[in-house]
Amino acid sequence: MAQKLIIANWKMFPTKPAEAKRIFSGIQKGVSKVRGAQTVVCPPYVFLPELAKLAKGGKVKLGVQDLFYEESGAFTGQVSPAMASAYKATWAILGHSERRALGESNELVGRKVRYTIQQGYTAVLCVGERGRSEDGEYYTFIRTELEAVFSGLRRKDLERLVIAYEPIWAIGKRAEEAMQTRDLMEMTLFIKKILTERFGRKPAERVRILYGGSVKPNNAAELVHEGGVDGLLVGSASLDVRQFLEILNVAAAA
């Protein structure tokens, strides 16, 4: 059974280094008892130096929530892959809806993804529609987001690409308001279809597809098993050690 991939996106939480270390240590301790899941934690940049000291044995990988497309330069406020890798970061969430809402274009996200992969990271490309309509226009929206990135990728780059489907309308809702698994399966198949059209079946099969959006312990197994995804991108629940470990366990067994 292939390992499920579970990524924690801490967003702009917590506010104190001690709390970040407590959460990370709790996850790391709990993960040692979980079989069948690969775990990545993406904290705010400022906590990387301390968490890198705790990241031992490789059970929990470290990632970041964004990266820039240059190694260095006059880019105020930006962080490059070289900077983050000094603190054991090897994964990067890119194109998250919250960053797109601040003005990131498909073209900018594509540039970041390509450069991040070139620098040896695994890029977690986020895509997702704001809402749904009966005419199915959201499929065109997702295709546009994906193809803006795919146009500059090589087949071998797919080994370092993960796609996280996170419908914006489902973020921050109660578990019962999260996406229906039948609809998720349809979107999973649609993303695989686009990958196959551009890169061929075998290269496309290397790309893991995750779901994010109101992931909780009581819906994680259903989302993975019936939604056809390879894992989950977990937001608020990843800051609660008990909840996150429960998600890990049920997803790994799904």
C-alpha atoms as a PDB file:
ATOM      1  CA  MET A   1       0.000   0.000   0.000  1.00  0.00           C
ATOM      2  CA  ALA A   2       1.434   3.375  -1.047  1.00  0.00           C
ATOM      3  CA  GLN A   3       2.095   5.867   1.717  1.00  0.00           C
ATOM      4  CA  LYS A   4      -0.408   8.665   2.107  1.00  0.00           C
ATOM      5  CA  LEU A   5       1.043  12.173   2.090  1.00  0.00           C
ATOM      6  CA  ILE A   6      -0.210  14.478   4.856  1.00  0.00           C
ATOM      7  CA  ILE A   7       0.992  18.099   4.824  1.00  0.00           C
ATOM      8  CA  ALA A   8       0.440  20.535   7.693  1.00  0.00           C
ATOM      9  CA  ASN A   9       0.011  24.161   6.661  1.00  0.00           C
ATOM     10  CA  TRP A  10       0.354  26.243   9.830  1.00  0.00           C
ATOM     11  CA  LYS A  11      -0.305  29.507   7.965  1.00  0.00           C
ATOM     12  CA  MET A  12       0.482  32.472  10.275  1.00  0.00           C
ATOM     13  CA  PHE A  13       0.293  30.434  13.473  1.00  0.00           C
ATOM     14  CA  PRO A  14       1.358  30.094  16.252  1.00  0.00           C
ATOM     15  CA  THR A  15       2.710  33.407  17.543  1.00  0.00           C
ATOM     16  CA  LYS A  16       5.430  32.115  19.887  1.00  0.00           C
ATOM     17  CA  PRO A  17       8.491  29.913  19.199  1.00  0.00           C
ATOM     18  CA  ALA A  18       7.810  27.829  22.302  1.00  0.00           C
ATOM     19  CA  GLU A  19       4.349  26.939  21.032  1.00  0.00           C
ATOM     20  CA  ALA A  20       5.723  26.047  17.598  1.00  0.00           C
ATOM     21  CA  LYS A  21       8.251  23.713  19.199  1.00  0.00           C
ATOM     22  CA  ARG A  22       5.576  22.129  21.385  1.00  0.00           C
ATOM     23  CA  ILE A  23       3.310  21.386  18.420  1.00  0.00           C
ATOM     24  CA  PHE A  24       6.143  20.103  16.249  1.00  0.00           C
ATOM     25  CA  SER A  25       7.535  17.888  19.010  1.00  0.00           C
ATOM     26  CA  GLY A  26       4.082  16.438  19.640  1.00  0.00           C
ATOM     27  CA  ILE A  27       3.602  15.650  15.961  1.00  0.00           C
ATOM     28  CA  GLN A  28       7.059  14.141  15.693  1.00  0.00           C
ATOM     29  CA  LYS A  29       6.494  11.904  18.710  1.00  0.00           C
ATOM     30  CA  GLY A  30       3.101  10.744  17.451  1.00  0.00           C
ATOM     31  CA  VAL A  31       4.273  10.126  13.882  1.00  0.00           C
ATOM     32  CA  SER A  32       6.770   7.552  15.122  1.00  0.00           C
ATOM     33  CA  LYS A  33       3.781   5.274  15.818  1.00  0.00           C
ATOM     34  CA  VAL A  34       2.051   5.840  12.457  1.00  0.00           C
ATOM     35  CA  ARG A  35       2.597   3.477   9.552  1.00  0.00           C
ATOM     36  CA  GLY A  36       1.631   4.214   5.969  1.00  0.00           C
ATOM     37  CA  ALA A  37       1.898   8.005   5.998  1.00  0.00           C
ATOM     38  CA  GLN A  38       4.516  10.572   5.000  1.00  0.00           C
ATOM     39  CA  THR A  39       4.337  13.773   7.035  1.00  0.00           C
ATOM     40  CA  VAL A  40       5.419  17.309   6.128  1.00  0.00           C
ATOM     41  CA  VAL A  41       5.079  20.368   8.381  1.00  0.00           C
ATOM     42  CA  CYS A  42       5.123  23.847   6.817  1.00  0.00           C
ATOM     43  CA  PRO A  43       5.499  26.485   9.570  1.00  0.00           C
ATOM     44  CA  PRO A  44       6.104  30.218   9.206  1.00  0.00           C
ATOM     45  CA  TYR A  45       9.701  30.929   8.129  1.00  0.00           C
ATOM     46  CA  VAL A  46      10.709  32.401  11.483  1.00  0.00           C
ATOM     47  CA  PHE A  47      10.292  29.044  13.230  1.00  0.00           C
ATOM     48  CA  LEU A  48      12.468  27.045  10.812  1.00  0.00           C
ATOM     49  CA  PRO A  49      15.777  27.494  12.695  1.00  0.00           C
ATOM     50  CA  GLU A  50      14.346  26.084  15.938  1.00  0.00           C
ATOM     51  CA  LEU A  51      12.302  23.330  14.308  1.00  0.00           C
ATOM     52  CA  ALA A  52      15.265  22.217  12.190  1.00  0.00           C
ATOM     53  CA  LYS A  53      17.049  21.369  15.443  1.00  0.00           C
ATOM     54  CA  LEU A  54      14.167  19.114  16.428  1.00  0.00           C
ATOM     55  CA  ALA A  55      13.743  17.432  13.029  1.00  0.00           C
ATOM     56  CA  LYS A  56      15.701  14.238  13.553  1.00  0.00           C
ATOM     57  CA  GLY A  57      15.451  10.910  11.808  1.00  0.00           C
ATOM     58  CA  GLY A  58      13.476  12.175   8.843  1.00  0.00           C
ATOM     59  CA  LYS A  59      10.059  11.079  10.134  1.00  0.00           C
ATOM     60  CA  VAL A  60       8.713  14.603   9.749  1.00  0.00           C
ATOM     61  CA  LYS A  61       9.912  16.698   6.821  1.00  0.00           C
ATOM     62  CA  LEU A  62      10.020  20.478   6.911  1.00  0.00           C
ATOM     63  CA  GLY A  63       8.563  22.739   4.269  1.00  0.00           C
ATOM     64  CA  VAL A  64       7.659  26.384   3.707  1.00  0.00           C
ATOM     65  CA  GLN A  65       4.483  28.163   2.667  1.00  0.00           C
ATOM     66  CA  ASP A  66       6.014  30.063  -0.254  1.00  0.00           C
ATOM     67  CA  LEU A  67       9.333  30.614  -2.054  1.00  0.00           C
ATOM     68  CA  PHE A  68      10.662  33.187  -4.512  1.00  0.00           C
ATOM     69  CA  TYR A  69      12.067  32.432  -7.965  1.00  0.00           C
ATOM     70  CA  GLU A  70      15.543  33.953  -7.483  1.00  0.00           C
ATOM     71  CA  GLU A  71      18.471  32.844  -5.319  1.00  0.00           C
ATOM     72  CA  SER A  72      19.193  36.332  -3.980  1.00  0.00           C
ATOM     73  CA  GLY A  73      18.822  39.998  -4.887  1.00  0.00           C
ATOM     74  CA  ALA A  74      16.906  43.184  -4.220  1.00  0.00           C
ATOM     75  CA  PHE A  75      13.592  41.508  -3.442  1.00  0.00           C
ATOM     76  CA  THR A  76      12.385  42.935  -0.156  1.00  0.00           C
ATOM     77  CA  GLY A  77      10.551  40.457   2.046  1.00  0.00           C
ATOM     78  CA  GLN A  78      11.178  37.426  -0.168  1.00  0.00           C
ATOM     79  CA  VAL A  79      12.757  34.091   0.808  1.00  0.00           C
ATOM     80  CA  SER A  80      14.693  31.952  -1.657  1.00  0.00           C
ATOM     81  CA  PRO A  81      14.990  28.159  -1.805  1.00  0.00           C
ATOM     82  CA  ALA A  82      18.676  28.441  -0.843  1.00  0.00           C
ATOM     83  CA  MET A  83      17.785  30.335   2.343  1.00  0.00           C
ATOM     84  CA  ALA A  84      15.138  27.867   3.490  1.00  0.00           C
ATOM     85  CA  SER A  85      17.191  24.785   2.636  1.00  0.00           C
ATOM     86  CA  ALA A  86      19.772  25.871   5.224  1.00  0.00           C
ATOM     87  CA  TYR A  87      17.130  24.836   7.794  1.00  0.00           C
ATOM     88  CA  LYS A  88      16.239  21.426   6.325  1.00  0.00           C
ATOM     89  CA  ALA A  89      13.273  22.665   4.275  1.00  0.00           C
ATOM     90  CA  THR A  90      12.758  20.459   1.213  1.00  0.00           C
ATOM     91  CA  TRP A  91       9.077  21.085   0.458  1.00  0.00           C
ATOM     92  CA  ALA A  92       7.223  24.247  -0.559  1.00  0.00           C
ATOM     93  CA  ILE A  93       3.539  25.118  -0.798  1.00  0.00           C
ATOM     94  CA  LEU A  94       3.059  27.376  -3.826  1.00  0.00           C
ATOM     95  CA  GLY A  95       0.049  29.173  -5.251  1.00  0.00           C
ATOM     96  CA  HIS A  96      -2.098  28.821  -2.152  1.00  0.00           C
ATOM     97  CA  SER A  97      -5.457  30.553  -2.541  1.00  0.00           C
ATOM     98  CA  GLU A  98      -4.628  32.993   0.254  1.00  0.00           C
ATOM     99  CA  ARG A  99      -1.567  34.174  -1.664  1.00  0.00           C
ATOM    100  CA  ARG A 100      -3.454  34.280  -4.957  1.00  0.00           C
ATOM    101  CA  ALA A 101      -6.017  36.503  -3.199  1.00  0.00           C
ATOM    102  CA  LEU A 102      -3.170  38.940  -2.485  1.00  0.00           C
ATOM    103  CA  GLY A 103      -2.433  39.227  -6.196  1.00  0.00           C
ATOM    104  CA  GLU A 104      -0.348  36.231  -7.288  1.00  0.00           C
ATOM    105  CA  SER A 105      -1.083  35.411 -10.924  1.00  0.00           C
ATOM    106  CA  ASN A 106      -1.002  32.007 -12.588  1.00  0.00           C
ATOM    107  CA  GLU A 107       2.163  33.093 -14.395  1.00  0.00           C
ATOM    108  CA  LEU A 108       3.910  34.056 -11.153  1.00  0.00           C
ATOM    109  CA  VAL A 109       2.915  30.774  -9.520  1.00  0.00           C
ATOM    110  CA  GLY A 110       4.241  28.885 -12.532  1.00  0.00           C
ATOM    111  CA  ARG A 111       7.570  30.670 -12.338  1.00  0.00           C
ATOM    112  CA  LYS A 112       7.876  29.857  -8.639  1.00  0.00           C
ATOM    113  CA  VAL A 113       7.009  26.196  -9.157  1.00  0.00           C
ATOM    114  CA  ARG A 114       9.541  25.727 -11.937  1.00  0.00           C
ATOM    115  CA  TYR A 115      12.373  27.406 -10.036  1.00  0.00           C
ATOM    116  CA  THR A 116      11.563  25.602  -6.784  1.00  0.00           C
ATOM    117  CA  ILE A 117      11.699  22.211  -8.515  1.00  0.00           C
ATOM    118  CA  GLN A 118      14.970  23.143 -10.223  1.00  0.00           C
ATOM    119  CA  GLN A 119      16.417  23.837  -6.783  1.00  0.00           C
ATOM    120  CA  GLY A 120      15.638  20.312  -5.590  1.00  0.00           C
ATOM    121  CA  TYR A 121      12.454  20.951  -3.636  1.00  0.00           C
ATOM    122  CA  THR A 122       9.158  19.157  -3.904  1.00  0.00           C
ATOM    123  CA  ALA A 123       6.627  21.778  -5.001  1.00  0.00           C
ATOM    124  CA  VAL A 124       3.057  21.511  -3.710  1.00  0.00           C
ATOM    125  CA  LEU A 125       1.008  23.370  -6.305  1.00  0.00           C
ATOM    126  CA  CYS A 126      -2.346  24.578  -4.945  1.00  0.00           C
ATOM    127  CA  VAL A 127      -5.334  24.991  -7.236  1.00  0.00           C
ATOM    128  CA  GLY A 128      -9.000  25.544  -6.499  1.00  0.00           C
ATOM    129  CA  GLU A 129     -12.108  27.401  -7.597  1.00  0.00           C
ATOM    130  CA  ARG A 130     -13.897  30.091  -5.592  1.00  0.00           C
ATOM    131  CA  GLY A 131     -17.350  28.666  -6.239  1.00  0.00           C
ATOM    132  CA  ARG A 132     -19.349  26.214  -8.316  1.00  0.00           C
ATOM    133  CA  SER A 133     -22.017  26.686 -10.944  1.00  0.00           C
ATOM    134  CA  GLU A 134     -24.217  24.276 -12.847  1.00  0.00           C
ATOM    135  CA  ASP A 135     -22.477  25.009 -16.157  1.00  0.00           C
ATOM    136  CA  GLY A 136     -19.217  23.444 -14.903  1.00  0.00           C
ATOM    137  CA  GLU A 137     -17.156  26.548 -15.629  1.00  0.00           C
ATOM    138  CA  TYR A 138     -14.969  25.742 -12.615  1.00  0.00           C
ATOM    139  CA  TYR A 139     -13.355  22.928 -14.612  1.00  0.00           C
ATOM    140  CA  THR A 140     -12.062  25.500 -17.096  1.00  0.00           C
ATOM    141  CA  PHE A 141     -10.783  27.577 -14.183  1.00  0.00           C
ATOM    142  CA  ILE A 142      -8.810  24.625 -12.764  1.00  0.00           C
ATOM    143  CA  ARG A 143      -7.437  23.723 -16.202  1.00  0.00           C
ATOM    144  CA  THR A 144      -6.167  27.289 -16.654  1.00  0.00           C
ATOM    145  CA  GLU A 145      -4.426  27.255 -13.258  1.00  0.00           C
ATOM    146  CA  LEU A 146      -2.756  23.936 -14.033  1.00  0.00           C
ATOM    147  CA  GLU A 147      -1.713  24.633 -17.613  1.00  0.00           C
ATOM    148  CA  ALA A 148      -0.049  27.920 -16.616  1.00  0.00           C
ATOM    149  CA  VAL A 149       2.379  25.789 -14.597  1.00  0.00           C
ATOM    150  CA  PHE A 150       2.582  22.714 -16.835  1.00  0.00           C
ATOM    151  CA  SER A 151       3.641  24.748 -19.864  1.00  0.00           C
ATOM    152  CA  GLY A 152       7.148  25.161 -18.453  1.00  0.00           C
ATOM    153  CA  LEU A 153       7.665  21.746 -16.856  1.00  0.00           C
ATOM    154  CA  ARG A 154       9.556  18.754 -18.182  1.00  0.00           C
ATOM    155  CA  ARG A 155       8.450  15.162 -17.658  1.00  0.00           C
ATOM    156  CA  LYS A 156      11.231  14.563 -15.158  1.00  0.00           C
ATOM    157  CA  ASP A 157      10.024  17.540 -13.096  1.00  0.00           C
ATOM    158  CA  LEU A 158       6.860  15.641 -12.232  1.00  0.00           C
ATOM    159  CA  GLU A 159       8.832  13.540  -9.756  1.00  0.00           C
ATOM    160  CA  ARG A 160       8.998  16.662  -7.579  1.00  0.00           C
ATOM    161  CA  LEU A 161       5.468  17.905  -8.118  1.00  0.00           C
ATOM    162  CA  VAL A 162       2.432  17.436  -5.883  1.00  0.00           C
ATOM    163  CA  ILE A 163      -0.951  18.976  -6.702  1.00  0.00           C
ATOM    164  CA  ALA A 164      -3.169  20.087  -3.831  1.00  0.00           C
ATOM    165  CA  TYR A 165      -6.768  20.643  -4.850  1.00  0.00           C
ATOM    166  CA  GLU A 166      -8.303  23.047  -2.354  1.00  0.00           C
ATOM    167  CA  PRO A 167     -11.684  24.503  -3.357  1.00  0.00           C
ATOM    168  CA  ILE A 168     -11.791  27.955  -1.803  1.00  0.00           C
ATOM    169  CA  TRP A 169     -15.475  27.705  -0.919  1.00  0.00           C
ATOM    170  CA  ALA A 170     -14.721  24.693   1.328  1.00  0.00           C
ATOM    171  CA  ILE A 171     -11.917  26.268   3.376  1.00  0.00           C
ATOM    172  CA  GLY A 172     -12.650  26.964   7.023  1.00  0.00           C
ATOM    173  CA  LYS A 173     -15.989  25.173   7.053  1.00  0.00           C
ATOM    174  CA  ARG A 174     -17.247  22.429   9.365  1.00  0.00           C
ATOM    175  CA  ALA A 175     -16.393  18.887   8.326  1.00  0.00           C
ATOM    176  CA  GLU A 176     -19.948  18.236   7.141  1.00  0.00           C
ATOM    177  CA  GLU A 177     -19.643  21.257   4.822  1.00  0.00           C
ATOM    178  CA  ALA A 178     -16.452  20.026   3.182  1.00  0.00           C
ATOM    179  CA  MET A 179     -16.502  18.790  -0.380  1.00  0.00           C
ATOM    180  CA  GLN A 180     -18.594  15.724  -1.184  1.00  0.00           C
ATOM    181  CA  THR A 181     -16.423  12.726  -1.998  1.00  0.00           C
ATOM    182  CA  ARG A 182     -18.179  12.046  -5.308  1.00  0.00           C
ATOM    183  CA  ASP A 183     -17.346  15.572  -6.488  1.00  0.00           C
ATOM    184  CA  LEU A 184     -13.795  15.202  -5.219  1.00  0.00           C
ATOM    185  CA  MET A 185     -13.337  11.963  -7.167  1.00  0.00           C
ATOM    186  CA  GLU A 186     -14.524  13.720 -10.325  1.00  0.00           C
ATOM    187  CA  MET A 187     -11.998  16.514  -9.820  1.00  0.00           C
ATOM    188  CA  THR A 188      -9.205  14.048  -9.040  1.00  0.00           C
ATOM    189  CA  LEU A 189      -9.884  12.241 -12.315  1.00  0.00           C
ATOM    190  CA  PHE A 190     -10.058  15.564 -14.174  1.00  0.00           C
ATOM    191  CA  ILE A 191      -6.630  16.636 -12.868  1.00  0.00           C
ATOM    192  CA  LYS A 192      -5.160  13.253 -13.823  1.00  0.00           C
ATOM    193  CA  LYS A 193      -6.680  13.649 -17.290  1.00  0.00           C
ATOM    194  CA  ILE A 194      -4.970  17.023 -17.805  1.00  0.00           C
ATOM    195  CA  LEU A 195      -1.650  15.608 -16.583  1.00  0.00           C
ATOM    196  CA  THR A 196      -1.960  12.653 -18.953  1.00  0.00           C
ATOM    197  CA  GLU A 197      -2.860  14.843 -21.934  1.00  0.00           C
ATOM    198  CA  ARG A 198       0.289  16.903 -21.514  1.00  0.00           C
ATOM    199  CA  PHE A 199       2.874  14.451 -20.202  1.00  0.00           C
ATOM    200  CA  GLY A 200       1.610  10.948 -20.959  1.00  0.00           C
ATOM    201  CA  ARG A 201       0.140   8.306 -18.676  1.00  0.00           C
ATOM    202  CA  LYS A 202       3.257   7.011 -16.910  1.00  0.00           C
ATOM    203  CA  PRO A 203       4.761  10.421 -16.052  1.00  0.00           C
ATOM    204  CA  ALA A 204       1.324  11.616 -14.908  1.00  0.00           C
ATOM    205  CA  GLU A 205       1.030   8.696 -12.502  1.00  0.00           C
ATOM    206  CA  ARG A 206       4.038  10.005 -10.554  1.00  0.00           C
ATOM    207  CA  VAL A 207       2.135  13.097  -9.439  1.00  0.00           C
ATOM    208  CA  ARG A 208       0.363  12.776  -6.122  1.00  0.00           C
ATOM    209  CA  ILE A 209      -2.929  14.618  -5.718  1.00  0.00           C
ATOM    210  CA  LEU A 210      -4.013  15.919  -2.316  1.00  0.00           C
ATOM    211  CA  TYR A 211      -7.214  17.434  -1.013  1.00  0.00           C
ATOM    212  CA  GLY A 212      -7.424  20.436   1.298  1.00  0.00           C
ATOM    213  CA  GLY A 213     -10.416  22.259   2.701  1.00  0.00           C
ATOM    214  CA  SER A 214     -11.999  21.653   6.128  1.00  0.00           C
ATOM    215  CA  VAL A 215     -10.103  18.414   6.722  1.00  0.00           C
ATOM    216  CA  LYS A 216     -10.976  16.971  10.143  1.00  0.00           C
ATOM    217  CA  PRO A 217     -10.512  13.609  11.877  1.00  0.00           C
ATOM    218  CA  ASN A 218     -14.135  12.637  11.153  1.00  0.00           C
ATOM    219  CA  ASN A 219     -13.919  13.129   7.372  1.00  0.00           C
ATOM    220  CA  ALA A 220     -10.268  12.394   6.555  1.00  0.00           C
ATOM    221  CA  ALA A 221     -10.662   8.685   5.837  1.00  0.00           C
ATOM    222  CA  GLU A 222     -13.690   9.224   3.603  1.00  0.00           C
ATOM    223  CA  LEU A 223     -11.982  12.016   1.648  1.00  0.00           C
ATOM    224  CA  VAL A 224      -8.925   9.860   0.968  1.00  0.00           C
ATOM    225  CA  HIS A 225     -10.669   6.558   0.292  1.00  0.00           C
ATOM    226  CA  GLU A 226     -13.722   7.711  -1.656  1.00  0.00           C
ATOM    227  CA  GLY A 227     -12.196  10.899  -3.083  1.00  0.00           C
ATOM    228  CA  GLY A 228      -9.378   9.011  -4.772  1.00  0.00           C
ATOM    229  CA  VAL A 229      -6.626  11.317  -3.486  1.00  0.00           C
ATOM    230  CA  ASP A 230      -3.141  10.407  -2.300  1.00  0.00           C
ATOM    231  CA  GLY A 231      -3.258  12.478   0.858  1.00  0.00           C
ATOM    232  CA  LEU A 232      -4.353  15.694   2.512  1.00  0.00           C
ATOM    233  CA  LEU A 233      -3.303  19.311   2.984  1.00  0.00           C
ATOM    234  CA  VAL A 234      -4.402  20.164   6.523  1.00  0.00           C
ATOM    235  CA  GLY A 235      -4.871  23.714   7.773  1.00  0.00           C
ATOM    236  CA  SER A 236      -6.229  24.623  11.217  1.00  0.00           C
ATOM    237  CA  ALA A 237      -6.422  21.028  12.446  1.00  0.00           C
ATOM    238  CA  SER A 238      -2.642  20.689  11.998  1.00  0.00           C
ATOM    239  CA  LEU A 239      -2.094  23.072  14.919  1.00  0.00           C
ATOM    240  CA  ASP A 240      -3.893  20.694  17.268  1.00  0.00           C
ATOM    241  CA  VAL A 241      -1.547  17.766  17.891  1.00  0.00           C
ATOM    242  CA  ARG A 242      -4.305  15.343  18.853  1.00  0.00           C
ATOM    243  CA  GLN A 243      -6.461  16.170  15.842  1.00  0.00           C
ATOM    244  CA  PHE A 244      -3.576  16.087  13.399  1.00  0.00           C
ATOM    245  CA  LEU A 245      -2.318  12.716  14.618  1.00  0.00           C
ATOM    246  CA  GLU A 246      -5.828  11.332  14.390  1.00  0.00           C
ATOM    247  CA  ILE A 247      -6.043  12.554  10.793  1.00  0.00           C
ATOM    248  CA  LEU A 248      -2.714  10.902  10.069  1.00  0.00           C
ATOM    249  CA  ASN A 249      -3.831   7.589  11.495  1.00  0.00           C
ATOM    250  CA  VAL A 250      -7.209   7.399   9.765  1.00  0.00           C
ATOM    251  CA  ALA A 251      -5.794   8.609   6.424  1.00  0.00           C
ATOM    252  CA  ALA A 252      -2.947   6.090   6.567  1.00  0.00           C
ATOM    253  CA  ALA A 253      -5.443   3.290   7.121  1.00  0.00           C
ATOM    254  CA  ALA A 254      -7.889   4.463   4.437  1.00  0.00           C
END
